[in-house]
Every structure is written in C-alpha cells, then in structure tokens.
Amino acid sequence: MSCCRTLLAGVAVAGVAAGSLLAGAGQTQTPLPLEPGARSGQSVTPAFEGWYPNADGSFDLLLGYYNRNDAQVLDIPIGPNNRIEPGGPDQGQPTHFLPHRQYGVFTVTVPKDFGNKKLTWTIVANGQAMSIPIGVIKDYKVEPLEDAAMGNTPPVVRFQLGGPAHTGPPRGITTSMSATLSEPLALTVWATDKPAKRAGPPPPGPHAPDLALSWSTFRGPGNVAFANPKPDIDKADGKSTTTATFSAPGDYFLRLQANDSSGDGGSGFQCCWTNALVKVSVKGATK
C-alpha cells in the first residue's frame, strides 16, 4: 500500500505536505524537517497535523509531537507544563513523550460552530516552553481516512476476533482492560489492511512493511514494560500478541499504532495509519 506522492491540483495543502505545523513559544509556524536532536536536554514541540470534518458537523483536530531528544523519554503531567487552553488543561493529550517525531497521537474534537477560534497546546520540557496554535485553519484540512490520490485507507485493528473495527486517528478510548501489578497482561489484536485502490509508485527509500504494529505508553503513573513492543502479525488471520507489565497501580493509557507501507505519518500526508488508545486499570498485587 502506498500513500499519495503528489498534490492534487487545486487543493491547498502545501503546509500539510510538509508534515504539519510545529512552532516554539513566541515563534512563527515552521514546517518540517527540523534539525536533529541531541541525546537529552532538548525541547518537545507540539505538532498540529491538521483537521478533518465529522459526520455530525464537528471537527477533529489531529495532533502529534516532536521530541528532539534522541534518547530521553519524558513524562510531563497534565498541568502548567502540559496544557491545552482555553478549556483545559486536560484535553486528552499524552503525558509520556517518546523520542523523535510521533504522528497523529490524539485528537481534540471541536463543535461545528468553532469558526476561527484557536486552542493552544503548550509543552514545557527541560525548561523550554514550546506552543502551537490549533484550530480549523485554512490549508490544513487533511484526509486521514482515505488518500484521495491512491484510494489507500488505514489499517483496521480489532481487539476481539470479529469485534468492532477501529481505523484511522484515535477518538477517545478504543477499549478498556484490567491488570494486576507485576503480572503480565496479554495484549492481543487482529490487524488487517486492504491494498490501495489505484496503483502508484513505490515509496522512496527502503520499503516499509506492508503492515506493522507498535505498542507504547501514552499516559500512566509508572513504567510499562512490553515483552515485544513491535510484535509479529500472523499472516493467516492478522492476530498479534504481546504482553505488558506495569510497575505501579493506577490507570494507564497505551497507544497501539498500525502502519501500512506509507510509513509513519503517511510520509507527511497524514494517511494511512491507525492509532488506538487502550485504557488499562492496574490494581495492586493480592497477598
């Protein structure tokens, strides 16, 4: 499967093709790519991927981030150092920030009469404050559910065999589970993907897998150890299993990402990949 490689004539998406908006506090918006990071001590920049309409007339604002650190994973609690305002500070954003660029990690839904209003996501990491305005901004409409040029669609993931399907960006919690402290929790999903409707040139560079899964922490009061954060997928039925072990009791949110060969962030076009958020309530070990 391949994502679009050219822009459709007459569609004003020049900013989107660059990979979304990233900006620092007091700075103008700048497109990717940005300079590589150091191993630690650098900032984390919010990223506005774009917006898209919903059937009920509301809009979803799609967001990710860019952790410029090559090795430093940061946990930044909701509050003054991780806030979306007005209306926040908590509007569903992550508190666990992996290194490098993470695409389409969560969405913020705004009403159909949102108009020209703006929200601002601010992250303060390593003493550096970075902010980005987000809203229904002209030229930043994206199509994460189908690539118009190739007819490509995101992978489909299910948490029960034959159960409800999830595809595209996350909208709230996809499923909930429970676990016991220090006991491995089985994470089983079924992942499938359809070929693009129209053939196109292969992606540049090394060929990405036709379908790949990865698990990571989105929020949580402790550490999460995945037995294999990038588990294999059974080609016969799409089944994939790994385990997660939690270091402290409380509520965790895990992110499951499914990519087709268009790669992370759809190679900058915001299609075609799937992110699903999983809530896990972890209770203390029984004596």
C-alpha atoms as a PDB file:
ATOM      1  CA  MET A   1       0.000   0.000   0.000  1.00  0.00           C
ATOM      2  CA  SER A   2       1.310   3.433  -0.794  1.00  0.00           C
ATOM      3  CA  CYS A   3       0.223   6.894   0.154  1.00  0.00           C
ATOM      4  CA  CYS A   4      -0.116   9.766  -2.286  1.00  0.00           C
ATOM      5  CA  ARG A   5       3.162  11.193  -3.602  1.00  0.00           C
ATOM      6  CA  THR A   6       1.792  14.232  -5.439  1.00  0.00           C
ATOM      7  CA  LEU A   7      -0.609  17.008  -4.500  1.00  0.00           C
ATOM      8  CA  LEU A   8      -3.955  17.187  -6.251  1.00  0.00           C
ATOM      9  CA  ALA A   9      -4.328  20.234  -8.444  1.00  0.00           C
ATOM     10  CA  GLY A  10      -6.433  22.945  -6.865  1.00  0.00           C
ATOM     11  CA  VAL A  11      -6.187  21.553  -3.334  1.00  0.00           C
ATOM     12  CA  ALA A  12      -4.468  23.991  -0.989  1.00  0.00           C
ATOM     13  CA  VAL A  13      -2.470  21.648   1.212  1.00  0.00           C
ATOM     14  CA  ALA A  14       1.047  22.993   0.856  1.00  0.00           C
ATOM     15  CA  GLY A  15       1.526  23.193   4.609  1.00  0.00           C
ATOM     16  CA  VAL A  16       0.205  19.696   5.173  1.00  0.00           C
ATOM     17  CA  ALA A  17       2.594  18.187   2.653  1.00  0.00           C
ATOM     18  CA  ALA A  18       5.483  19.466   4.744  1.00  0.00           C
ATOM     19  CA  GLY A  19       4.266  17.289   7.591  1.00  0.00           C
ATOM     20  CA  SER A  20       2.228  19.662   9.833  1.00  0.00           C
ATOM     21  CA  LEU A  21       2.817  22.792  11.896  1.00  0.00           C
ATOM     22  CA  LEU A  22       5.420  22.920  14.606  1.00  0.00           C
ATOM     23  CA  ALA A  23       6.244  26.102  16.482  1.00  0.00           C
ATOM     24  CA  GLY A  24       8.061  27.326  19.547  1.00  0.00           C
ATOM     25  CA  ALA A  25       6.736  29.788  22.086  1.00  0.00           C
ATOM     26  CA  GLY A  26       6.858  33.223  20.536  1.00  0.00           C
ATOM     27  CA  GLN A  27       7.925  31.822  17.175  1.00  0.00           C
ATOM     28  CA  THR A  28       6.211  31.663  13.812  1.00  0.00           C
ATOM     29  CA  GLN A  29       4.965  28.348  12.497  1.00  0.00           C
ATOM     30  CA  THR A  30       7.604  26.368  10.628  1.00  0.00           C
ATOM     31  CA  PRO A  31       7.273  23.203   8.531  1.00  0.00           C
ATOM     32  CA  LEU A  32       9.297  20.030   8.868  1.00  0.00           C
ATOM     33  CA  PRO A  33      12.021  18.947   8.589  1.00  0.00           C
ATOM     34  CA  LEU A  34      13.744  20.414  11.615  1.00  0.00           C
ATOM     35  CA  GLU A  35      17.272  19.939  12.870  1.00  0.00           C
ATOM     36  CA  PRO A  36      18.108  16.598  14.545  1.00  0.00           C
ATOM     37  CA  GLY A  37      18.103  16.474  18.316  1.00  0.00           C
ATOM     38  CA  ALA A  38      20.680  15.684  20.969  1.00  0.00           C
ATOM     39  CA  ARG A  39      20.537  12.656  23.242  1.00  0.00           C
ATOM     40  CA  SER A  40      18.874  14.651  26.043  1.00  0.00           C
ATOM     41  CA  GLY A  41      18.142  18.141  27.340  1.00  0.00           C
ATOM     42  CA  GLN A  42      16.186  19.333  24.309  1.00  0.00           C
ATOM     43  CA  SER A  43      12.593  20.551  23.940  1.00  0.00           C
ATOM     44  CA  VAL A  44       9.403  18.747  22.971  1.00  0.00           C
ATOM     45  CA  THR A  45       7.373  20.575  20.333  1.00  0.00           C
ATOM     46  CA  PRO A  46       3.616  20.090  19.856  1.00  0.00           C
ATOM     47  CA  ALA A  47       2.653  19.322  16.258  1.00  0.00           C
ATOM     48  CA  PHE A  48      -0.641  20.238  14.612  1.00  0.00           C
ATOM     49  CA  GLU A  49      -1.162  17.686  11.835  1.00  0.00           C
ATOM     50  CA  GLY A  50      -4.378  19.260  10.531  1.00  0.00           C
ATOM     51  CA  TRP A  51      -8.140  18.968  10.883  1.00  0.00           C
ATOM     52  CA  TYR A  52     -10.948  16.997   9.278  1.00  0.00           C
ATOM     53  CA  PRO A  53     -14.765  17.105   9.478  1.00  0.00           C
ATOM     54  CA  ASN A  54     -17.004  14.569  11.196  1.00  0.00           C
ATOM     55  CA  ALA A  55     -20.411  13.384  10.023  1.00  0.00           C
ATOM     56  CA  ASP A  56     -22.171  15.331  12.790  1.00  0.00           C
ATOM     57  CA  GLY A  57     -20.657  18.635  11.637  1.00  0.00           C
ATOM     58  CA  SER A  58     -17.974  18.796  14.331  1.00  0.00           C
ATOM     59  CA  PHE A  59     -14.256  18.775  13.556  1.00  0.00           C
ATOM     60  CA  ASP A  60     -11.377  16.691  14.829  1.00  0.00           C
ATOM     61  CA  LEU A  61      -8.055  18.440  15.340  1.00  0.00           C
ATOM     62  CA  LEU A  62      -5.234  15.943  14.845  1.00  0.00           C
ATOM     63  CA  LEU A  63      -2.075  16.354  16.929  1.00  0.00           C
ATOM     64  CA  GLY A  64       1.288  14.744  17.487  1.00  0.00           C
ATOM     65  CA  TYR A  65       4.628  15.941  18.791  1.00  0.00           C
ATOM     66  CA  TYR A  66       8.351  16.127  18.088  1.00  0.00           C
ATOM     67  CA  ASN A  67      10.664  15.146  20.953  1.00  0.00           C
ATOM     68  CA  ARG A  68      14.027  16.454  19.776  1.00  0.00           C
ATOM     69  CA  ASN A  69      15.869  14.161  22.170  1.00  0.00           C
ATOM     70  CA  ASP A  70      17.371  11.021  20.699  1.00  0.00           C
ATOM     71  CA  ALA A  71      17.354   9.072  23.966  1.00  0.00           C
ATOM     72  CA  GLN A  72      15.388  10.994  26.595  1.00  0.00           C
ATOM     73  CA  VAL A  73      11.818   9.841  27.215  1.00  0.00           C
ATOM     74  CA  LEU A  74       9.911  12.453  29.211  1.00  0.00           C
ATOM     75  CA  ASP A  75       6.888  12.192  31.486  1.00  0.00           C
ATOM     76  CA  ILE A  76       5.174  15.582  31.745  1.00  0.00           C
ATOM     77  CA  PRO A  77       1.969  15.565  33.828  1.00  0.00           C
ATOM     78  CA  ILE A  78      -1.119  17.481  32.786  1.00  0.00           C
ATOM     79  CA  GLY A  79      -0.862  20.974  34.243  1.00  0.00           C
ATOM     80  CA  PRO A  80       1.235  24.109  33.748  1.00  0.00           C
ATOM     81  CA  ASN A  81       3.891  22.202  31.776  1.00  0.00           C
ATOM     82  CA  ASN A  82       1.452  20.269  29.564  1.00  0.00           C
ATOM     83  CA  ARG A  83      -1.738  22.168  28.866  1.00  0.00           C
ATOM     84  CA  ILE A  84      -4.278  22.923  26.147  1.00  0.00           C
ATOM     85  CA  GLU A  85      -6.121  26.184  26.669  1.00  0.00           C
ATOM     86  CA  PRO A  86      -8.741  27.525  26.780  1.00  0.00           C
ATOM     87  CA  GLY A  87     -10.898  24.773  28.209  1.00  0.00           C
ATOM     88  CA  GLY A  88      -8.089  22.620  29.581  1.00  0.00           C
ATOM     89  CA  PRO A  89      -5.525  21.982  30.741  1.00  0.00           C
ATOM     90  CA  ASP A  90      -6.525  18.357  30.023  1.00  0.00           C
ATOM     91  CA  GLN A  91      -7.949  17.740  26.561  1.00  0.00           C
ATOM     92  CA  GLY A  92      -6.704  14.192  26.093  1.00  0.00           C
ATOM     93  CA  GLN A  93      -3.056  14.861  25.282  1.00  0.00           C
ATOM     94  CA  PRO A  94      -0.253  12.436  26.166  1.00  0.00           C
ATOM     95  CA  THR A  95       1.930  12.742  29.245  1.00  0.00           C
ATOM     96  CA  HIS A  96       4.577  10.227  28.093  1.00  0.00           C
ATOM     97  CA  PHE A  97       6.753  11.548  25.264  1.00  0.00           C
ATOM     98  CA  LEU A  98       8.829   9.157  23.191  1.00  0.00           C
ATOM     99  CA  PRO A  99      11.918  10.349  21.308  1.00  0.00           C
ATOM    100  CA  HIS A 100      11.624  11.780  17.793  1.00  0.00           C
ATOM    101  CA  ARG A 101       8.519  12.550  15.736  1.00  0.00           C
ATOM    102  CA  GLN A 102       5.223  10.925  16.736  1.00  0.00           C
ATOM    103  CA  TYR A 103       2.336  11.441  14.295  1.00  0.00           C
ATOM    104  CA  GLY A 104      -1.390  11.741  14.934  1.00  0.00           C
ATOM    105  CA  VAL A 105      -1.184  10.661  18.565  1.00  0.00           C
ATOM    106  CA  PHE A 106      -4.576  12.073  19.626  1.00  0.00           C
ATOM    107  CA  THR A 107      -7.473  14.255  18.540  1.00  0.00           C
ATOM    108  CA  VAL A 108      -9.384  17.149  20.051  1.00  0.00           C
ATOM    109  CA  THR A 109     -12.996  17.444  18.890  1.00  0.00           C
ATOM    110  CA  VAL A 110     -14.439  20.951  18.458  1.00  0.00           C
ATOM    111  CA  PRO A 111     -18.048  21.905  17.597  1.00  0.00           C
ATOM    112  CA  LYS A 112     -19.260  22.825  14.122  1.00  0.00           C
ATOM    113  CA  ASP A 113     -19.552  26.489  15.130  1.00  0.00           C
ATOM    114  CA  PHE A 114     -15.908  26.630  16.308  1.00  0.00           C
ATOM    115  CA  GLY A 115     -15.172  29.078  13.491  1.00  0.00           C
ATOM    116  CA  ASN A 116     -11.849  30.917  13.637  1.00  0.00           C
ATOM    117  CA  LYS A 117     -11.241  30.308  17.336  1.00  0.00           C
ATOM    118  CA  LYS A 118      -7.923  28.777  18.366  1.00  0.00           C
ATOM    119  CA  LEU A 119      -6.664  26.493  21.107  1.00  0.00           C
ATOM    120  CA  THR A 120      -3.027  26.459  22.191  1.00  0.00           C
ATOM    121  CA  TRP A 121      -1.072  23.388  23.269  1.00  0.00           C
ATOM    122  CA  THR A 122       1.979  24.193  25.399  1.00  0.00           C
ATOM    123  CA  ILE A 123       4.674  21.728  26.482  1.00  0.00           C
ATOM    124  CA  VAL A 124       7.486  22.696  28.840  1.00  0.00           C
ATOM    125  CA  ALA A 125      10.336  20.166  28.701  1.00  0.00           C
ATOM    126  CA  ASN A 126      13.865  20.600  30.046  1.00  0.00           C
ATOM    127  CA  GLY A 127      12.984  24.187  30.940  1.00  0.00           C
ATOM    128  CA  GLN A 128      11.965  25.053  27.366  1.00  0.00           C
ATOM    129  CA  ALA A 129       8.370  26.095  26.589  1.00  0.00           C
ATOM    130  CA  MET A 130       7.002  25.289  23.142  1.00  0.00           C
ATOM    131  CA  SER A 131       3.474  26.164  21.980  1.00  0.00           C
ATOM    132  CA  ILE A 132       1.372  25.643  18.877  1.00  0.00           C
ATOM    133  CA  PRO A 133      -1.989  27.187  17.889  1.00  0.00           C
ATOM    134  CA  ILE A 134      -4.569  24.658  16.708  1.00  0.00           C
ATOM    135  CA  GLY A 135      -7.961  25.072  15.068  1.00  0.00           C
ATOM    136  CA  VAL A 136      -9.882  24.749  11.821  1.00  0.00           C
ATOM    137  CA  ILE A 137      -7.080  26.539   9.966  1.00  0.00           C
ATOM    138  CA  LYS A 138      -7.273  27.181   6.230  1.00  0.00           C
ATOM    139  CA  ASP A 139      -4.994  24.956   4.132  1.00  0.00           C
ATOM    140  CA  TYR A 140      -4.630  22.400   6.938  1.00  0.00           C
ATOM    141  CA  LYS A 141      -7.509  20.110   6.110  1.00  0.00           C
ATOM    142  CA  VAL A 142      -6.315  16.506   5.986  1.00  0.00           C
ATOM    143  CA  GLU A 143      -7.865  13.208   4.839  1.00  0.00           C
ATOM    144  CA  PRO A 144      -6.594  10.571   7.293  1.00  0.00           C
ATOM    145  CA  LEU A 145      -9.273   8.011   6.400  1.00  0.00           C
ATOM    146  CA  GLU A 146      -8.540   7.772   2.667  1.00  0.00           C
ATOM    147  CA  ASP A 147      -5.758   9.012   0.440  1.00  0.00           C
ATOM    148  CA  ALA A 148      -7.595  10.742  -2.401  1.00  0.00           C
ATOM    149  CA  ALA A 149      -4.835  10.139  -4.942  1.00  0.00           C
ATOM    150  CA  MET A 150      -4.343   6.400  -4.431  1.00  0.00           C
ATOM    151  CA  GLY A 151      -7.529   5.384  -2.655  1.00  0.00           C
ATOM    152  CA  ASN A 152      -5.429   3.997   0.161  1.00  0.00           C
ATOM    153  CA  THR A 153      -7.071   3.516   3.579  1.00  0.00           C
ATOM    154  CA  PRO A 154      -5.591   2.963   7.059  1.00  0.00           C
ATOM    155  CA  PRO A 155      -5.172  -0.496   8.571  1.00  0.00           C
ATOM    156  CA  VAL A 156      -8.039  -1.942  10.606  1.00  0.00           C
ATOM    157  CA  VAL A 157      -7.468  -3.205  14.158  1.00  0.00           C
ATOM    158  CA  ARG A 158      -9.835  -5.221  16.334  1.00  0.00           C
ATOM    159  CA  PHE A 159      -9.475  -6.173  19.976  1.00  0.00           C
ATOM    160  CA  GLN A 160     -11.733  -9.211  19.667  1.00  0.00           C
ATOM    161  CA  LEU A 161     -11.876 -11.647  16.778  1.00  0.00           C
ATOM    162  CA  GLY A 162     -14.720 -10.372  14.620  1.00  0.00           C
ATOM    163  CA  GLY A 163     -15.245  -7.472  17.028  1.00  0.00           C
ATOM    164  CA  PRO A 164     -15.668  -3.745  16.345  1.00  0.00           C
ATOM    165  CA  ALA A 165     -13.185  -2.288  13.871  1.00  0.00           C
ATOM    166  CA  HIS A 166     -11.049   0.762  14.502  1.00  0.00           C
ATOM    167  CA  THR A 167      -9.252   2.618  11.722  1.00  0.00           C
ATOM    168  CA  GLY A 168      -7.532   5.978  11.395  1.00  0.00           C
ATOM    169  CA  PRO A 169      -6.811   8.504  14.149  1.00  0.00           C
ATOM    170  CA  PRO A 170      -7.950   7.879  17.726  1.00  0.00           C
ATOM    171  CA  ARG A 171     -11.120   9.414  19.082  1.00  0.00           C
ATOM    172  CA  GLY A 172     -11.375   8.682  22.771  1.00  0.00           C
ATOM    173  CA  ILE A 173     -10.661   5.265  24.267  1.00  0.00           C
ATOM    174  CA  THR A 174     -10.994   2.298  21.920  1.00  0.00           C
ATOM    175  CA  THR A 175     -11.153  -0.409  24.573  1.00  0.00           C
ATOM    176  CA  SER A 176     -10.568  -0.919  28.319  1.00  0.00           C
ATOM    177  CA  MET A 177      -8.779  -3.701  30.184  1.00  0.00           C
ATOM    178  CA  SER A 178      -7.751  -4.559  33.739  1.00  0.00           C
ATOM    179  CA  ALA A 179      -4.488  -5.939  35.078  1.00  0.00           C
ATOM    180  CA  THR A 180      -2.720  -6.839  38.311  1.00  0.00           C
ATOM    181  CA  LEU A 181       0.523  -5.225  39.384  1.00  0.00           C
ATOM    182  CA  SER A 182       3.658  -7.080  38.220  1.00  0.00           C
ATOM    183  CA  GLU A 183       1.605  -9.697  36.352  1.00  0.00           C
ATOM    184  CA  PRO A 184       1.920  -9.637  32.534  1.00  0.00           C
ATOM    185  CA  LEU A 185      -1.228  -8.521  30.714  1.00  0.00           C
ATOM    186  CA  ALA A 186      -1.848 -10.131  27.334  1.00  0.00           C
ATOM    187  CA  LEU A 187      -2.397  -7.581  24.560  1.00  0.00           C
ATOM    188  CA  THR A 188      -3.999  -9.339  21.608  1.00  0.00           C
ATOM    189  CA  VAL A 189      -5.268  -7.641  18.460  1.00  0.00           C
ATOM    190  CA  TRP A 190      -6.237  -8.597  14.934  1.00  0.00           C
ATOM    191  CA  ALA A 191      -4.850  -6.291  12.241  1.00  0.00           C
ATOM    192  CA  THR A 192      -5.678  -6.226   8.542  1.00  0.00           C
ATOM    193  CA  ASP A 193      -5.135  -3.861   5.628  1.00  0.00           C
ATOM    194  CA  LYS A 194      -6.521  -3.502   2.112  1.00  0.00           C
ATOM    195  CA  PRO A 195      -4.423  -2.652  -0.938  1.00  0.00           C
ATOM    196  CA  ALA A 196      -4.757   0.838  -2.341  1.00  0.00           C
ATOM    197  CA  LYS A 197      -7.495   1.128  -4.973  1.00  0.00           C
ATOM    198  CA  ARG A 198      -5.104   2.650  -7.510  1.00  0.00           C
ATOM    199  CA  ALA A 199      -1.512   1.629  -8.071  1.00  0.00           C
ATOM    200  CA  GLY A 200       1.216   4.210  -7.628  1.00  0.00           C
ATOM    201  CA  PRO A 201       4.987   4.445  -7.498  1.00  0.00           C
ATOM    202  CA  PRO A 202       6.669   2.669  -4.593  1.00  0.00           C
ATOM    203  CA  PRO A 203       7.640   4.774  -1.583  1.00  0.00           C
ATOM    204  CA  PRO A 204      11.131   6.293  -1.791  1.00  0.00           C
ATOM    205  CA  GLY A 205      13.937   4.738   0.212  1.00  0.00           C
ATOM    206  CA  PRO A 206      13.788   1.383   1.995  1.00  0.00           C
ATOM    207  CA  HIS A 207      10.444  -0.349   1.609  1.00  0.00           C
ATOM    208  CA  ALA A 208       8.325  -0.232   4.767  1.00  0.00           C
ATOM    209  CA  PRO A 209       6.459  -3.388   5.848  1.00  0.00           C
ATOM    210  CA  ASP A 210       3.016  -3.845   4.315  1.00  0.00           C
ATOM    211  CA  LEU A 211       1.604  -3.936   7.857  1.00  0.00           C
ATOM    212  CA  ALA A 212       3.370  -3.299  11.163  1.00  0.00           C
ATOM    213  CA  LEU A 213       2.220  -2.786  14.762  1.00  0.00           C
ATOM    214  CA  SER A 214       3.837  -0.971  17.661  1.00  0.00           C
ATOM    215  CA  TRP A 215       2.811  -0.530  21.312  1.00  0.00           C
ATOM    216  CA  SER A 216       3.852   2.386  23.535  1.00  0.00           C
ATOM    217  CA  THR A 217       2.806   4.227  26.686  1.00  0.00           C
ATOM    218  CA  PHE A 218       0.514   7.246  26.287  1.00  0.00           C
ATOM    219  CA  ARG A 219      -0.128   8.042  29.987  1.00  0.00           C
ATOM    220  CA  GLY A 220       0.445   6.285  33.263  1.00  0.00           C
ATOM    221  CA  PRO A 221       1.616   6.555  36.895  1.00  0.00           C
ATOM    222  CA  GLY A 222       4.524   4.147  36.385  1.00  0.00           C
ATOM    223  CA  ASN A 223       6.626   2.316  33.832  1.00  0.00           C
ATOM    224  CA  VAL A 224       5.265  -0.154  31.296  1.00  0.00           C
ATOM    225  CA  ALA A 225       7.466  -2.996  30.044  1.00  0.00           C
ATOM    226  CA  PHE A 226       6.325  -4.573  26.768  1.00  0.00           C
ATOM    227  CA  ALA A 227       7.601  -8.077  26.058  1.00  0.00           C
ATOM    228  CA  ASN A 228       7.792  -7.058  22.404  1.00  0.00           C
ATOM    229  CA  PRO A 229       6.633  -3.528  21.533  1.00  0.00           C
ATOM    230  CA  LYS A 230       6.610  -4.452  17.817  1.00  0.00           C
ATOM    231  CA  PRO A 231       5.030  -7.909  17.768  1.00  0.00           C
ATOM    232  CA  ASP A 232       4.725 -10.103  14.714  1.00  0.00           C
ATOM    233  CA  ILE A 233       1.429 -10.417  12.852  1.00  0.00           C
ATOM    234  CA  ASP A 234       0.093 -13.810  11.809  1.00  0.00           C
ATOM    235  CA  LYS A 235      -0.350 -13.605   8.051  1.00  0.00           C
ATOM    236  CA  ALA A 236      -3.181 -16.132   8.154  1.00  0.00           C
ATOM    237  CA  ASP A 237      -5.616 -14.222  10.373  1.00  0.00           C
ATOM    238  CA  GLY A 238      -3.858 -10.986  11.371  1.00  0.00           C
ATOM    239  CA  LYS A 239      -3.549 -11.995  15.031  1.00  0.00           C
ATOM    240  CA  SER A 240      -0.791 -10.342  17.047  1.00  0.00           C
ATOM    241  CA  THR A 241       0.023 -10.801  20.734  1.00  0.00           C
ATOM    242  CA  THR A 242       2.446  -9.330  23.230  1.00  0.00           C
ATOM    243  CA  THR A 243       2.329  -8.625  26.973  1.00  0.00           C
ATOM    244  CA  ALA A 244       2.668  -5.529  29.146  1.00  0.00           C
ATOM    245  CA  THR A 245       3.808  -5.422  32.775  1.00  0.00           C
ATOM    246  CA  PHE A 246       3.143  -2.383  34.974  1.00  0.00           C
ATOM    247  CA  SER A 247       5.356  -1.027  37.765  1.00  0.00           C
ATOM    248  CA  ALA A 248       2.703   0.797  39.821  1.00  0.00           C
ATOM    249  CA  PRO A 249      -1.068   0.576  40.328  1.00  0.00           C
ATOM    250  CA  GLY A 250      -3.413   3.087  38.700  1.00  0.00           C
ATOM    251  CA  ASP A 251      -4.888   3.931  35.326  1.00  0.00           C
ATOM    252  CA  TYR A 252      -2.697   3.675  32.241  1.00  0.00           C
ATOM    253  CA  PHE A 253      -3.357   4.539  28.618  1.00  0.00           C
ATOM    254  CA  LEU A 254      -1.481   2.606  25.935  1.00  0.00           C
ATOM    255  CA  ARG A 255      -1.160   3.521  22.264  1.00  0.00           C
ATOM    256  CA  LEU A 256      -1.373   0.894  19.545  1.00  0.00           C
ATOM    257  CA  GLN A 257      -0.147   2.132  16.172  1.00  0.00           C
ATOM    258  CA  ALA A 258      -0.698   0.253  12.909  1.00  0.00           C
ATOM    259  CA  ASN A 259       1.220   1.337   9.805  1.00  0.00           C
ATOM    260  CA  ASP A 260       0.988   0.236   6.210  1.00  0.00           C
ATOM    261  CA  SER A 261       3.813   0.781   3.723  1.00  0.00           C
ATOM    262  CA  SER A 262       3.117   4.531   3.598  1.00  0.00           C
ATOM    263  CA  GLY A 263       5.072   4.663   6.875  1.00  0.00           C
ATOM    264  CA  ASP A 264       4.881   6.943   9.903  1.00  0.00           C
ATOM    265  CA  GLY A 265       2.543   9.848   9.304  1.00  0.00           C
ATOM    266  CA  GLY A 266       1.844   8.605   5.790  1.00  0.00           C
ATOM    267  CA  SER A 267       5.190  10.072   4.706  1.00  0.00           C
ATOM    268  CA  GLY A 268       3.891  13.511   5.682  1.00  0.00           C
ATOM    269  CA  PHE A 269       0.422  13.253   4.115  1.00  0.00           C
ATOM    270  CA  GLN A 270      -1.396  12.071   7.284  1.00  0.00           C
ATOM    271  CA  CYS A 271      -2.731   8.912   5.648  1.00  0.00           C
ATOM    272  CA  CYS A 272      -2.656   5.977   6.055  1.00  0.00           C
ATOM    273  CA  TRP A 273      -2.065   4.708   9.576  1.00  0.00           C
ATOM    274  CA  THR A 274      -4.178   3.853  12.621  1.00  0.00           C
ATOM    275  CA  ASN A 275      -3.744   4.843  16.269  1.00  0.00           C
ATOM    276  CA  ALA A 276      -5.887   3.332  19.031  1.00  0.00           C
ATOM    277  CA  LEU A 277      -5.840   4.227  22.729  1.00  0.00           C
ATOM    278  CA  VAL A 278      -6.314   1.439  25.287  1.00  0.00           C
ATOM    279  CA  LYS A 279      -7.131   2.098  28.944  1.00  0.00           C
ATOM    280  CA  VAL A 280      -5.697  -0.351  31.474  1.00  0.00           C
ATOM    281  CA  SER A 281      -6.723  -0.197  35.148  1.00  0.00           C
ATOM    282  CA  VAL A 282      -3.975  -1.804  37.231  1.00  0.00           C
ATOM    283  CA  LYS A 283      -4.743  -2.957  40.766  1.00  0.00           C
ATOM    284  CA  GLY A 284      -2.227  -3.855  43.463  1.00  0.00           C
ATOM    285  CA  ALA A 285      -0.978  -7.396  43.770  1.00  0.00           C
ATOM    286  CA  THR A 286      -3.022  -9.632  46.049  1.00  0.00           C
ATOM    287  CA  LYS A 287      -1.249 -11.123  49.075  1.00  0.00           C
END
